[in-house]
């Protein structure tokens, strides 16, 4: 029976795949599916088809060694957030089969995606996992790539320049020794030289910055690397600006800017305009400085991102237009600055403090003075304010009491889940057809009832409910019956609708998996939902709460705490 259901599911999947309806999936090898994926690099729809087929084949054959490759193919054609979810699955199954090569690739790709989505903390955590794994396996390539990537995030995105510089220098020693061995090593050596020069400049260690700028400039010419040559010229221009040699700085930036435009490097164009502005500001040419600072804003509007280093240009524009009495532009740039501040709250703590000191606190002081003046003129309303305060306090206490009560209920529901077996784990029995007949008031024959019930047991045992987008119509075709009969049996035998029946099976399955699989607990809710067969994390969370009375995030948090406590007791 399992074999019949398996082949039926394969056939249904083929039909849903459009152009491959005549293919015999069972005869297609993994290499053929992979080849089809690679050969259709410009056809996303076809790539999705081949990756889906590859992954489904691995799942249905329980081939854990090839499941990582299926998930990896899915990650290559997905947006960054979906890609992270698939890479989590690559990590899980690579660990399961001890595939170190795929595990390293997945760590590296996931960290890159997290970096691109500005989740810097998790990106660093993932790079550290890669670094530790590479150290254990003596893989210097990934070890230093991970270390370099961590340093870049710390320097470019988190403002931790001094810490980054130490990491840069550790990497620099390795790549300098080995730069002649591989072309890739030489390119990384050049990038590290620039990173070190840039870090020294950011720390106002200007002579050191100039040393590495000149070294990197010579090496980039030797290596015929026009892009990095422009970066070293620009960085030296910035260094000269900080040395207050403004005319020399402008000359260097003139040489660098056209290279940045040719390579469409928006961030370095911003850097060029910023140091133009700083140089003309130093020469007391305020109007010219303003032109270049406004060019920064123009690019910022295009790319929706700016490095913390260049935000000071907005301060200049605010003060410039304040002096000019142009309140409209003053307000425009102040609003932009506040918008940038809200984005930087998590990742750029130092800059946020600066913005709060220069803009938020003065505004709050002025607002406070206004409130005090208003209160002096409306003393009669003080009693009302007191009454409102008391009411709010009472409401808060009621809210806290209800939250505590709800928290206790959640705790009890969690304990109950941990103690009892889910329906998924309980033994299936072929139900009494007479009972089903009586409860359904149906004229379905005993043979049909018995046959459907047996197929439902096989369906549950084979965990085919984990397949996404399964419907009562598709399942009735597999069972060679009609959807009405199937619905009657499920309603009578299981006491629930088809959708609730499927959702409950999935939830019960994932509960047992979470109890026993510590790696699964590290997944995002979206990744866990996909493992359980749900299309979205929202539908999964809703079904989980309906089944258990608690949210999946709460269940995972509590089970982690419980396991940690058990480990502490054992140790």
Protein backbone atom coordinates (compact mmCIF):
# COMPACT_ATOMS: atom_id res chain seq x y z
CA UNK A 1 0.00 0.00 0.00
CA UNK A 2 2.85 2.40 0.86
CA UNK A 3 4.37 1.76 -2.54
CA UNK A 4 1.07 2.52 -4.30
CA UNK A 5 0.70 5.78 -2.37
CA UNK A 6 4.32 6.74 -3.07
CA UNK A 7 3.98 6.18 -6.81
CA UNK A 8 0.67 8.05 -6.83
CA UNK A 9 2.22 11.03 -5.10
CA UNK A 10 5.07 11.01 -7.60
CA UNK A 11 2.59 10.91 -10.45
CA UNK A 12 0.56 13.78 -9.01
CA UNK A 13 3.68 15.85 -8.62
CA UNK A 14 4.60 15.20 -12.24
CA UNK A 15 1.18 16.36 -13.38
CA UNK A 16 1.55 19.58 -11.38
CA UNK A 17 4.92 20.23 -12.99
CA UNK A 18 3.49 21.06 -16.41
CA UNK A 19 6.11 20.34 -19.05
CA UNK A 20 7.47 17.19 -17.34
CA UNK A 21 4.09 15.40 -17.14
CA UNK A 22 5.39 12.57 -19.37
CA UNK A 23 8.60 11.99 -17.44
CA UNK A 24 8.95 8.98 -15.21
CA UNK A 25 10.36 10.51 -12.03
CA UNK A 26 11.33 7.11 -10.71
CA UNK A 27 13.74 6.67 -13.64
CA UNK A 28 15.29 10.13 -13.40
CA UNK A 29 18.63 10.14 -11.59
CA UNK A 30 19.75 12.84 -9.19
CA UNK A 31 22.51 13.79 -11.63
CA UNK A 32 19.95 14.31 -14.41
CA UNK A 33 17.84 16.55 -12.19
CA UNK A 34 20.90 18.52 -11.11
CA UNK A 35 22.01 18.88 -14.72
CA UNK A 36 18.55 20.14 -15.68
CA UNK A 37 18.76 22.72 -12.89
CA UNK A 38 22.18 23.97 -14.02
CA UNK A 39 21.32 24.06 -17.72
CA UNK A 40 18.32 26.32 -17.09
CA UNK A 41 20.20 29.07 -15.25
CA UNK A 42 18.25 31.75 -17.15
CA UNK A 43 14.86 30.12 -16.66
CA UNK A 44 13.78 30.47 -13.04
CA UNK A 45 10.55 28.55 -13.56
CA UNK A 46 12.42 25.53 -14.94
CA UNK A 47 15.03 25.71 -12.21
CA UNK A 48 12.30 25.70 -9.60
CA UNK A 49 10.78 22.63 -11.27
CA UNK A 50 14.04 20.66 -11.23
CA UNK A 51 14.94 21.67 -7.68
CA UNK A 52 11.45 20.68 -6.48
CA UNK A 53 11.75 17.31 -8.21
CA UNK A 54 15.21 16.72 -6.76
CA UNK A 55 14.13 17.56 -3.21
CA UNK A 56 10.88 15.56 -3.43
CA UNK A 57 12.76 12.54 -4.72
CA UNK A 58 15.23 12.75 -1.83
CA UNK A 59 12.41 13.14 0.71
CA UNK A 60 10.31 10.26 -0.59
CA UNK A 61 13.34 7.98 -0.79
CA UNK A 62 14.47 9.12 2.68
CA UNK A 63 17.86 9.94 1.15
CA UNK A 64 19.25 12.25 3.84
CA UNK A 65 22.65 12.43 2.13
CA UNK A 66 21.16 14.15 -0.94
CA UNK A 67 18.49 16.27 0.76
CA UNK A 68 21.07 19.02 1.50
CA UNK A 69 21.74 19.44 -2.21
CA UNK A 70 18.02 19.76 -2.92
CA UNK A 71 17.61 22.44 -0.26
CA UNK A 72 20.76 24.18 -1.52
CA UNK A 73 19.37 24.36 -5.05
CA UNK A 74 16.19 25.90 -3.60
CA UNK A 75 18.28 28.49 -1.75
CA UNK A 76 19.97 29.57 -4.98
CA UNK A 77 16.68 30.61 -6.61
CA UNK A 78 14.97 32.18 -3.59
CA UNK A 79 14.95 35.65 -2.07
CA UNK A 80 17.42 36.16 0.83
CA UNK A 81 14.89 35.43 3.58
CA UNK A 82 13.57 32.25 1.95
CA UNK A 83 17.14 31.26 1.11
CA UNK A 84 18.13 31.41 4.80
CA UNK A 85 15.28 29.01 5.59
CA UNK A 86 16.47 26.50 3.00
CA UNK A 87 20.09 26.83 4.12
CA UNK A 88 18.97 25.96 7.66
CA UNK A 89 17.71 22.69 6.21
CA UNK A 90 21.03 22.14 4.41
CA UNK A 91 22.80 22.60 7.76
CA UNK A 92 20.46 20.21 9.58
CA UNK A 93 20.80 17.33 7.12
CA UNK A 94 24.52 17.91 6.47
CA UNK A 95 25.08 17.50 10.21
CA UNK A 96 22.87 14.43 10.23
CA UNK A 97 24.97 12.63 7.59
CA UNK A 98 28.26 14.30 8.67
CA UNK A 99 28.73 16.00 5.27
CA UNK A 100 31.37 18.57 6.31
CA UNK A 101 31.80 20.01 2.81
CA UNK A 102 28.12 20.89 2.34
CA UNK A 103 27.93 22.10 5.95
CA UNK A 104 30.73 24.63 5.36
CA UNK A 105 29.13 25.88 2.16
CA UNK A 106 25.77 26.27 3.91
CA UNK A 107 27.30 28.17 6.83
CA UNK A 108 29.10 30.53 4.45
CA UNK A 109 26.08 31.14 2.23
CA UNK A 110 23.73 31.64 5.21
CA UNK A 111 26.10 34.12 6.83
CA UNK A 112 26.27 36.07 3.56
CA UNK A 113 22.49 36.19 3.30
CA UNK A 114 22.17 37.34 6.92
CA UNK A 115 24.75 40.05 6.24
CA UNK A 116 22.82 41.18 3.16
CA UNK A 117 19.60 41.39 5.17
CA UNK A 118 21.41 43.49 7.83
CA UNK A 119 21.06 40.82 10.53
CA UNK A 120 24.66 41.37 11.57
CA UNK A 121 24.55 39.60 14.94
CA UNK A 122 23.31 36.32 13.45
CA UNK A 123 25.67 36.71 10.49
CA UNK A 124 28.68 36.89 12.83
CA UNK A 125 27.37 33.95 14.85
CA UNK A 126 27.12 31.85 11.67
CA UNK A 127 30.59 32.89 10.49
CA UNK A 128 31.95 31.84 13.91
CA UNK A 129 30.34 28.41 13.44
CA UNK A 130 32.11 28.16 10.08
CA UNK A 131 35.39 29.37 11.59
CA UNK A 132 35.25 26.77 14.38
CA UNK A 133 34.36 23.95 11.98
CA UNK A 134 37.17 24.98 9.61
CA UNK A 135 39.66 25.04 12.46
CA UNK A 136 38.69 21.49 13.48
CA UNK A 137 39.15 20.25 9.89
CA UNK A 138 42.32 22.27 9.18
CA UNK A 139 40.59 24.17 6.37
CA UNK A 140 42.53 27.43 6.15
CA UNK A 141 40.50 28.66 3.17
CA UNK A 142 37.16 28.88 4.98
CA UNK A 143 38.81 29.70 8.31
CA UNK A 144 40.29 32.95 7.05
CA UNK A 145 37.34 33.77 4.78
CA UNK A 146 35.07 33.59 7.83
CA UNK A 147 37.45 35.67 9.95
CA UNK A 148 37.77 38.31 7.20
CA UNK A 149 33.99 38.45 6.78
CA UNK A 150 33.48 38.94 10.53
CA UNK A 151 36.01 41.77 10.49
CA UNK A 152 34.22 43.46 7.58
CA UNK A 153 30.88 43.39 9.40
CA UNK A 154 32.42 44.74 12.58
CA UNK A 155 34.20 47.50 10.71
CA UNK A 156 31.78 48.50 7.96
CA UNK A 157 28.45 47.80 9.61
CA UNK A 158 28.90 47.91 13.39
CA UNK A 159 31.54 50.58 13.83
CA UNK A 160 33.84 48.30 15.89
CA UNK A 161 36.97 49.41 14.01
CA UNK A 162 39.65 48.56 16.58
CA UNK A 163 38.38 44.97 16.97
CA UNK A 164 38.11 44.60 13.21
CA UNK A 165 41.68 45.82 12.67
CA UNK A 166 43.08 43.03 14.84
CA UNK A 167 41.17 40.45 12.79
CA UNK A 168 42.29 42.09 9.52
CA UNK A 169 45.93 41.79 10.55
CA UNK A 170 45.55 38.11 11.45
CA UNK A 171 44.13 37.44 7.99
CA UNK A 172 46.68 39.73 6.33
CA UNK A 173 49.62 37.65 7.64
CA UNK A 174 48.14 34.48 6.12
CA UNK A 175 47.30 35.94 2.71
CA UNK A 176 50.58 37.83 2.43
CA UNK A 177 52.48 34.56 2.93
CA UNK A 178 50.35 32.72 0.39
CA UNK A 179 49.44 35.43 -2.14
CA UNK A 180 51.56 33.93 -4.93
CA UNK A 181 49.98 30.47 -4.59
CA UNK A 182 46.51 31.35 -5.85
CA UNK A 183 45.05 34.23 -7.83
CA UNK A 184 42.17 34.33 -5.36
CA UNK A 185 44.63 34.71 -2.46
CA UNK A 186 46.29 37.65 -4.18
CA UNK A 187 42.92 39.38 -4.66
CA UNK A 188 42.04 38.82 -0.99
CA UNK A 189 45.46 40.13 0.04
CA UNK A 190 44.72 43.34 -1.90
CA UNK A 191 41.30 43.69 -0.30
CA UNK A 192 42.83 43.19 3.14
CA UNK A 193 45.45 45.82 2.45
CA UNK A 194 42.65 48.26 1.68
CA UNK A 195 40.62 47.20 4.73
CA UNK A 196 43.63 47.80 7.00
CA UNK A 197 44.34 51.19 5.40
CA UNK A 198 40.68 52.16 5.79
CA UNK A 199 40.59 51.02 9.44
CA UNK A 200 43.72 53.02 10.29
CA UNK A 201 42.11 56.08 8.70
CA UNK A 202 38.88 55.57 10.66
CA UNK A 203 40.96 55.37 13.87
CA UNK A 204 42.84 58.55 12.77
CA UNK A 205 46.11 56.61 12.61
CA UNK A 206 46.84 58.60 9.49
CA UNK A 207 50.49 57.76 8.82
CA UNK A 208 49.70 54.04 8.99
CA UNK A 209 46.76 54.61 6.66
CA UNK A 210 48.99 56.37 4.12
CA UNK A 211 51.55 53.55 4.33
CA UNK A 212 48.99 50.89 3.41
CA UNK A 213 47.34 53.14 0.80
CA UNK A 214 50.64 53.54 -1.05
CA UNK A 215 51.46 49.83 -0.69
CA UNK A 216 48.03 48.85 -1.97
CA UNK A 217 48.20 51.32 -4.85
CA UNK A 218 51.45 49.73 -6.11
CA UNK A 219 50.12 46.20 -5.66
CA UNK A 220 46.86 46.98 -7.48
CA UNK A 221 48.78 48.35 -10.48
CA UNK A 222 50.98 45.24 -10.42
CA UNK A 223 47.85 43.07 -10.31
CA UNK A 224 46.02 45.21 -12.92
CA UNK A 225 43.13 45.80 -10.51
CA UNK A 226 41.62 49.14 -11.58
CA UNK A 227 38.75 49.03 -9.04
CA UNK A 228 41.01 48.66 -6.01
CA UNK A 229 43.45 51.17 -7.41
CA UNK A 230 40.64 53.71 -7.32
CA UNK A 231 39.79 52.69 -3.73
CA UNK A 232 43.36 53.28 -2.55
CA UNK A 233 43.44 56.68 -4.28
CA UNK A 234 40.14 57.64 -2.66
CA UNK A 235 41.21 56.41 0.77
CA UNK A 236 44.41 58.43 0.54
CA UNK A 237 42.32 61.46 -0.43
CA UNK A 238 40.22 60.92 2.73
CA UNK A 239 43.41 60.54 4.78
CA UNK A 240 44.81 63.79 3.36
CA UNK A 241 41.53 65.52 4.21
CA UNK A 242 41.86 64.38 7.83
CA UNK A 243 45.45 65.66 7.77
CA UNK A 244 43.90 69.01 6.69
CA UNK A 245 45.78 68.96 3.39
CA UNK A 246 42.52 69.85 1.64
CA UNK A 247 43.78 70.75 -1.84
CA UNK A 248 45.79 67.52 -2.10
CA UNK A 249 42.74 65.63 -0.87
CA UNK A 250 40.54 67.15 -3.58
CA UNK A 251 43.14 66.24 -6.22
CA UNK A 252 43.15 62.57 -5.11
CA UNK A 253 39.34 62.40 -4.99
CA UNK A 254 39.18 63.87 -8.52
CA UNK A 255 41.29 60.94 -9.75
CA UNK A 256 39.26 58.34 -7.84
CA UNK A 257 35.69 59.50 -8.52
CA UNK A 258 35.54 58.63 -12.22
CA UNK A 259 36.74 55.09 -11.40
CA UNK A 260 33.91 54.73 -8.85
CA UNK A 261 31.40 55.96 -11.42
CA UNK A 262 32.74 53.54 -14.07
CA UNK A 263 32.33 50.62 -11.67
CA UNK A 264 28.95 51.98 -10.47
CA UNK A 265 30.19 51.79 -6.89
CA UNK A 266 27.52 53.84 -5.10
CA UNK A 267 28.99 53.61 -1.60
CA UNK A 268 32.40 54.85 -2.74
CA UNK A 269 30.68 57.61 -4.71
CA UNK A 270 29.10 58.66 -1.40
CA UNK A 271 32.56 58.51 0.23
CA UNK A 272 33.98 60.68 -2.55
CA UNK A 273 31.27 63.33 -2.16
CA UNK A 274 31.60 63.25 1.62
CA UNK A 275 35.32 63.99 1.58
CA UNK A 276 34.82 66.56 -1.16
CA UNK A 277 32.39 68.22 1.25
CA UNK A 278 34.76 67.92 4.22
CA UNK A 279 37.63 69.35 2.17
CA UNK A 280 35.64 72.34 0.90
CA UNK A 281 34.26 72.80 4.41
CA UNK A 282 37.88 72.95 5.62
CA UNK A 283 38.64 75.55 2.92
CA UNK A 284 35.61 77.54 4.21
CA UNK A 285 33.78 77.15 0.89
CA UNK A 286 30.41 76.40 2.46
CA UNK A 287 28.28 76.63 -0.67
CA UNK A 288 30.51 74.16 -2.54
CA UNK A 289 30.57 71.82 0.45
CA UNK A 290 26.76 71.91 0.50
CA UNK A 291 26.57 70.81 -3.15
CA UNK A 292 28.57 67.66 -2.42
CA UNK A 293 26.73 66.82 0.80
CA UNK A 294 23.46 67.04 -1.15
CA UNK A 295 24.89 64.60 -3.70
CA UNK A 296 25.23 62.14 -0.80
CA UNK A 297 21.53 62.51 -0.07
CA UNK A 298 20.71 61.96 -3.74
CA UNK A 299 22.51 58.59 -3.80
CA UNK A 300 21.13 57.65 -0.38
CA UNK A 301 17.61 58.02 -1.78
CA UNK A 302 18.52 55.61 -4.59
CA UNK A 303 20.12 52.81 -2.59
CA UNK A 304 18.25 53.30 0.74
CA UNK A 305 21.46 52.79 2.70
CA UNK A 306 24.32 54.84 4.09
CA UNK A 307 27.40 54.04 6.14
CA UNK A 308 27.47 55.66 9.62
CA UNK A 309 30.73 57.43 8.70
CA UNK A 310 28.99 59.72 6.22
CA UNK A 311 25.91 60.74 8.22
CA UNK A 312 27.69 63.84 9.54
CA UNK A 313 27.00 65.45 6.14
CA UNK A 314 23.34 65.76 7.16
CA UNK A 315 24.33 67.69 10.29
CA UNK A 316 26.15 70.16 8.07
CA UNK A 317 23.12 70.53 5.76
CA UNK A 318 20.75 71.08 8.72
CA UNK A 319 22.95 73.83 10.19
CA UNK A 320 23.63 75.36 6.77
CA UNK A 321 19.95 75.78 5.93
CA UNK A 322 19.19 76.90 9.48
CA UNK A 323 21.65 79.77 8.98
CA UNK A 324 20.08 80.52 5.58
CA UNK A 325 16.59 80.59 7.14
CA UNK A 326 15.38 77.86 4.78
CA UNK A 327 13.17 75.96 7.24
CA UNK A 328 11.72 73.71 4.53
CA UNK A 329 15.10 72.16 3.63
CA UNK A 330 16.20 72.21 7.25
CA UNK A 331 13.17 70.10 8.17
CA UNK A 332 13.69 67.81 5.15
CA UNK A 333 17.24 66.89 6.16
CA UNK A 334 16.33 66.67 9.84
CA UNK A 335 13.58 64.16 8.99
CA UNK A 336 16.05 62.17 6.87
CA UNK A 337 18.53 62.14 9.73
CA UNK A 338 15.90 60.92 12.16
CA UNK A 339 14.88 58.21 9.69
CA UNK A 340 18.50 57.05 9.45
CA UNK A 341 18.72 57.07 13.26
CA UNK A 342 15.73 54.73 13.54
CA UNK A 343 17.41 52.27 11.17
CA UNK A 344 20.70 52.43 13.10
CA UNK A 345 19.17 51.91 16.56
CA UNK A 346 20.15 48.25 16.71
CA UNK A 347 23.31 48.08 14.61
CA UNK A 348 24.99 51.43 15.21
CA UNK A 349 24.82 52.13 18.92
CA UNK A 350 27.57 54.75 18.92
CA UNK A 351 25.96 56.77 16.17
CA UNK A 352 22.53 56.52 17.78
CA UNK A 353 23.91 58.00 21.01
CA UNK A 354 25.42 60.88 19.05
CA UNK A 355 22.18 61.59 17.21
CA UNK A 356 20.20 61.42 20.46
CA UNK A 357 22.58 63.88 22.12
CA UNK A 358 22.59 66.37 19.24
CA UNK A 359 18.94 66.23 18.19
CA UNK A 360 16.56 64.16 20.32
CA UNK A 361 17.43 65.52 23.79
CA UNK A 362 17.26 69.23 22.84
CA UNK A 363 13.88 68.61 21.22
CA UNK A 364 12.66 66.81 24.33
CA UNK A 365 13.83 69.69 26.54
CA UNK A 366 11.93 72.21 24.44
CA UNK A 367 8.89 69.97 24.48
CA UNK A 368 9.14 69.65 28.26
CA UNK A 369 9.26 73.44 28.71
CA UNK A 370 6.13 73.78 26.57
CA UNK A 371 4.32 71.18 28.64
CA UNK A 372 5.29 72.95 31.90
CA UNK A 373 3.92 76.27 30.62
CA UNK A 374 0.69 74.61 29.59
CA UNK A 375 0.33 72.92 32.97
CA UNK A 376 0.73 76.28 34.77
CA UNK A 377 -2.29 77.63 32.89
CA UNK A 378 -4.51 74.55 33.38
CA UNK A 379 -4.08 73.66 37.08
CA UNK A 380 -7.80 72.91 37.33
CA UNK A 381 -7.26 69.80 35.22
CA UNK A 382 -4.80 68.29 37.67
CA UNK A 383 -7.50 66.32 39.47
CA UNK A 384 -8.63 64.80 36.19
CA UNK A 385 -5.06 63.86 35.40
CA UNK A 386 -4.77 62.15 38.78
CA UNK A 387 -8.01 60.23 38.21
CA UNK A 388 -6.89 59.16 34.75
CA UNK A 389 -3.56 58.05 36.21
CA UNK A 390 -5.32 55.92 38.83
CA UNK A 391 -7.57 54.34 36.20
CA UNK A 392 -4.59 53.55 34.01
CA UNK A 393 -2.78 52.04 36.99
CA UNK A 394 -5.75 49.81 37.81
CA UNK A 395 -6.04 48.72 34.18
CA UNK A 396 -2.32 47.93 34.12
CA UNK A 397 -2.65 45.81 37.27
CA UNK A 398 -5.59 43.93 35.75
CA UNK A 399 -3.59 43.39 32.57
CA UNK A 400 -0.58 42.11 34.56
CA UNK A 401 -2.81 39.73 36.53
CA UNK A 402 -4.34 38.32 33.34
CA UNK A 403 -0.91 37.94 31.78
CA UNK A 404 0.38 36.04 34.81
CA UNK A 405 -2.69 33.80 34.72
CA UNK A 406 -2.22 33.19 31.00
CA UNK A 407 1.46 32.44 31.55
CA UNK A 408 0.53 29.81 34.15
CA UNK A 409 -1.99 28.25 31.76
CA UNK A 410 0.65 28.11 29.02
CA UNK A 411 3.05 26.42 31.45
CA UNK A 412 0.49 23.76 32.32
CA UNK A 413 -0.32 23.16 28.65
CA UNK A 414 3.38 22.76 27.90
CA UNK A 415 3.83 20.24 30.73
CA UNK A 416 0.82 18.29 29.47
CA UNK A 417 2.28 18.17 25.96
CA UNK A 418 5.62 16.89 27.28
CA UNK A 419 4.00 14.18 29.41
CA UNK A 420 1.44 12.77 26.98
CA UNK A 421 1.93 11.07 23.67
CA UNK A 422 0.50 12.88 20.68
CA UNK A 423 -2.09 11.23 18.46
CA UNK A 424 0.68 10.81 15.95
CA UNK A 425 2.54 8.46 18.31
CA UNK A 426 -0.49 6.42 19.35
CA UNK A 427 -1.08 3.07 17.64
CA UNK A 428 -3.60 3.14 14.83
CA UNK A 429 -6.41 0.64 14.83
CA UNK A 430 -8.81 -0.24 12.06
CA UNK A 431 -12.08 1.22 13.33
CA UNK A 432 -15.40 -0.59 13.59
CA UNK A 433 -17.19 0.03 10.29
CA UNK A 434 -20.56 -0.25 12.02
CA UNK A 435 -19.65 2.67 14.29
CA UNK A 436 -18.62 4.76 11.28
CA UNK A 437 -21.81 3.78 9.45
CA UNK A 438 -24.00 4.73 12.40
CA UNK A 439 -22.22 8.03 13.10
CA UNK A 440 -22.20 9.06 9.47
CA UNK A 441 -25.72 7.82 8.69
CA UNK A 442 -24.22 6.73 5.37
CA UNK A 443 -24.92 4.02 2.83
CA UNK A 444 -21.22 3.44 2.13
CA UNK A 445 -20.38 -0.25 1.98
CA UNK A 446 -18.30 -1.91 4.69
CA UNK A 447 -15.64 -2.80 2.13
CA UNK A 448 -15.17 0.83 1.06
CA UNK A 449 -15.13 2.03 4.67
CA UNK A 450 -12.55 -0.57 5.64
CA UNK A 451 -10.40 0.13 2.58
CA UNK A 452 -10.35 3.92 3.22
CA UNK A 453 -9.52 3.40 6.90
CA UNK A 454 -6.61 1.10 6.05
CA UNK A 455 -5.27 3.62 3.51
CA UNK A 456 -5.51 6.38 6.10
CA UNK A 457 -3.33 4.31 8.44
CA UNK A 458 -0.76 3.82 5.66
CA UNK A 459 -0.99 7.52 4.85
CA UNK A 460 -0.23 8.40 8.49
CA UNK A 461 2.49 5.75 8.91
CA UNK A 462 4.26 6.96 5.77
CA UNK A 463 4.05 10.59 6.95
CA UNK A 464 2.70 11.65 3.54
CA UNK A 465 0.78 14.40 5.28
CA UNK A 466 4.11 16.33 5.36
CA UNK A 467 3.75 17.02 1.63
CA UNK A 468 2.71 20.64 1.11
CA UNK A 469 -0.55 21.62 -0.64
CA UNK A 470 -2.24 18.26 -0.16
CA UNK A 471 -6.04 18.47 -0.64
CA UNK A 472 -8.94 16.11 -0.03
CA UNK A 473 -9.41 15.87 -3.80
CA UNK A 474 -5.77 14.85 -4.42
CA UNK A 475 -5.81 12.33 -1.58
CA UNK A 476 -9.11 10.77 -2.67
CA UNK A 477 -7.59 10.19 -6.14
CA UNK A 478 -4.63 8.42 -4.52
CA UNK A 479 -7.05 6.29 -2.45
CA UNK A 480 -9.06 5.53 -5.61
CA UNK A 481 -12.25 6.79 -4.01
CA UNK A 482 -14.23 10.01 -4.03
CA UNK A 483 -13.76 13.01 -1.78
CA UNK A 484 -17.23 12.64 -0.22
CA UNK A 485 -16.52 9.13 1.05
CA UNK A 486 -13.12 10.17 2.33
CA UNK A 487 -14.63 13.18 4.12
CA UNK A 488 -17.30 10.99 5.75
CA UNK A 489 -14.68 8.53 7.06
CA UNK A 490 -12.42 11.26 8.41
CA UNK A 491 -15.32 13.12 10.04
CA UNK A 492 -16.64 9.94 11.64
CA UNK A 493 -13.39 8.17 12.48
CA UNK A 494 -11.27 11.19 13.44
CA UNK A 495 -14.04 13.50 14.61
CA UNK A 496 -12.75 16.45 12.59
CA UNK A 497 -12.68 18.04 9.15
CA UNK A 498 -10.06 17.10 6.54
CA UNK A 499 -8.04 20.31 6.96
CA UNK A 500 -8.02 19.95 10.76
CA UNK A 501 -7.05 16.30 10.40
CA UNK A 502 -4.03 17.14 8.20
CA UNK A 503 -2.98 20.11 10.35
CA UNK A 504 -3.23 18.06 13.56
CA UNK A 505 -1.11 15.26 12.09
CA UNK A 506 1.54 17.79 11.08
CA UNK A 507 1.51 19.54 14.46
CA UNK A 508 1.70 16.22 16.36
CA UNK A 509 4.61 15.14 14.14
CA UNK A 510 6.58 18.33 14.64
CA UNK A 511 5.98 18.29 18.42
CA UNK A 512 7.65 14.88 18.65
CA UNK A 513 10.47 16.05 16.36
CA UNK A 514 11.08 19.12 18.53
CA UNK A 515 11.15 16.95 21.65
CA UNK A 516 13.85 14.69 20.23
CA UNK A 517 15.79 16.80 17.69
CA UNK A 518 17.83 19.60 19.27
CA UNK A 519 19.03 20.85 15.86
CA UNK A 520 15.43 21.41 14.70
CA UNK A 521 14.89 23.69 17.71
CA UNK A 522 17.49 26.07 16.25
CA UNK A 523 15.40 26.56 13.08
CA UNK A 524 13.34 29.64 12.40
CA UNK A 525 9.58 29.20 12.72
CA UNK A 526 9.33 29.49 8.93
CA UNK A 527 11.84 26.65 8.45
CA UNK A 528 10.04 24.43 10.98
CA UNK A 529 6.73 25.17 9.25
CA UNK A 530 8.21 24.04 5.93
CA UNK A 531 9.48 20.81 7.51
CA UNK A 532 5.94 20.12 8.77
CA UNK A 533 4.38 20.72 5.34
CA UNK A 534 2.86 24.16 5.95
CA UNK A 535 3.19 26.84 3.28
CA UNK A 536 3.59 29.74 5.69
CA UNK A 537 4.76 30.30 9.24
CA UNK A 538 1.43 32.03 9.95
CA UNK A 539 -0.67 28.98 9.02
CA UNK A 540 1.68 26.75 11.03
CA UNK A 541 1.49 28.96 14.13
CA UNK A 542 -2.31 29.15 13.87
CA UNK A 543 -2.66 25.35 13.57
CA UNK A 544 -0.16 24.76 16.38
CA UNK A 545 -2.05 27.11 18.74
CA UNK A 546 -5.40 25.56 17.82
CA UNK A 547 -4.04 22.08 18.53
CA UNK A 548 -2.08 22.83 21.74
CA UNK A 549 -3.31 26.14 23.14
CA UNK A 550 0.24 27.57 23.01
CA UNK A 551 2.38 29.19 20.33
CA UNK A 552 5.23 27.22 18.70
CA UNK A 553 7.79 29.87 19.72
CA UNK A 554 6.75 29.44 23.37
CA UNK A 555 6.94 25.63 23.11
CA UNK A 556 10.45 25.77 21.60
CA UNK A 557 11.66 28.26 24.22
CA UNK A 558 10.31 26.14 27.08
CA UNK A 559 11.71 22.87 25.74
CA UNK A 560 15.13 24.49 25.32
CA UNK A 561 15.01 25.72 28.94
CA UNK A 562 13.94 22.28 30.13
CA UNK A 563 16.77 20.51 28.26
CA UNK A 564 19.35 23.02 29.57
CA UNK A 565 18.14 22.40 33.13
CA UNK A 566 18.37 18.63 32.61
CA UNK A 567 21.93 18.96 31.27
CA UNK A 568 22.96 21.09 34.25
CA UNK A 569 21.57 18.47 36.66
CA UNK A 570 23.38 15.66 34.82
CA UNK A 571 26.67 17.56 34.78
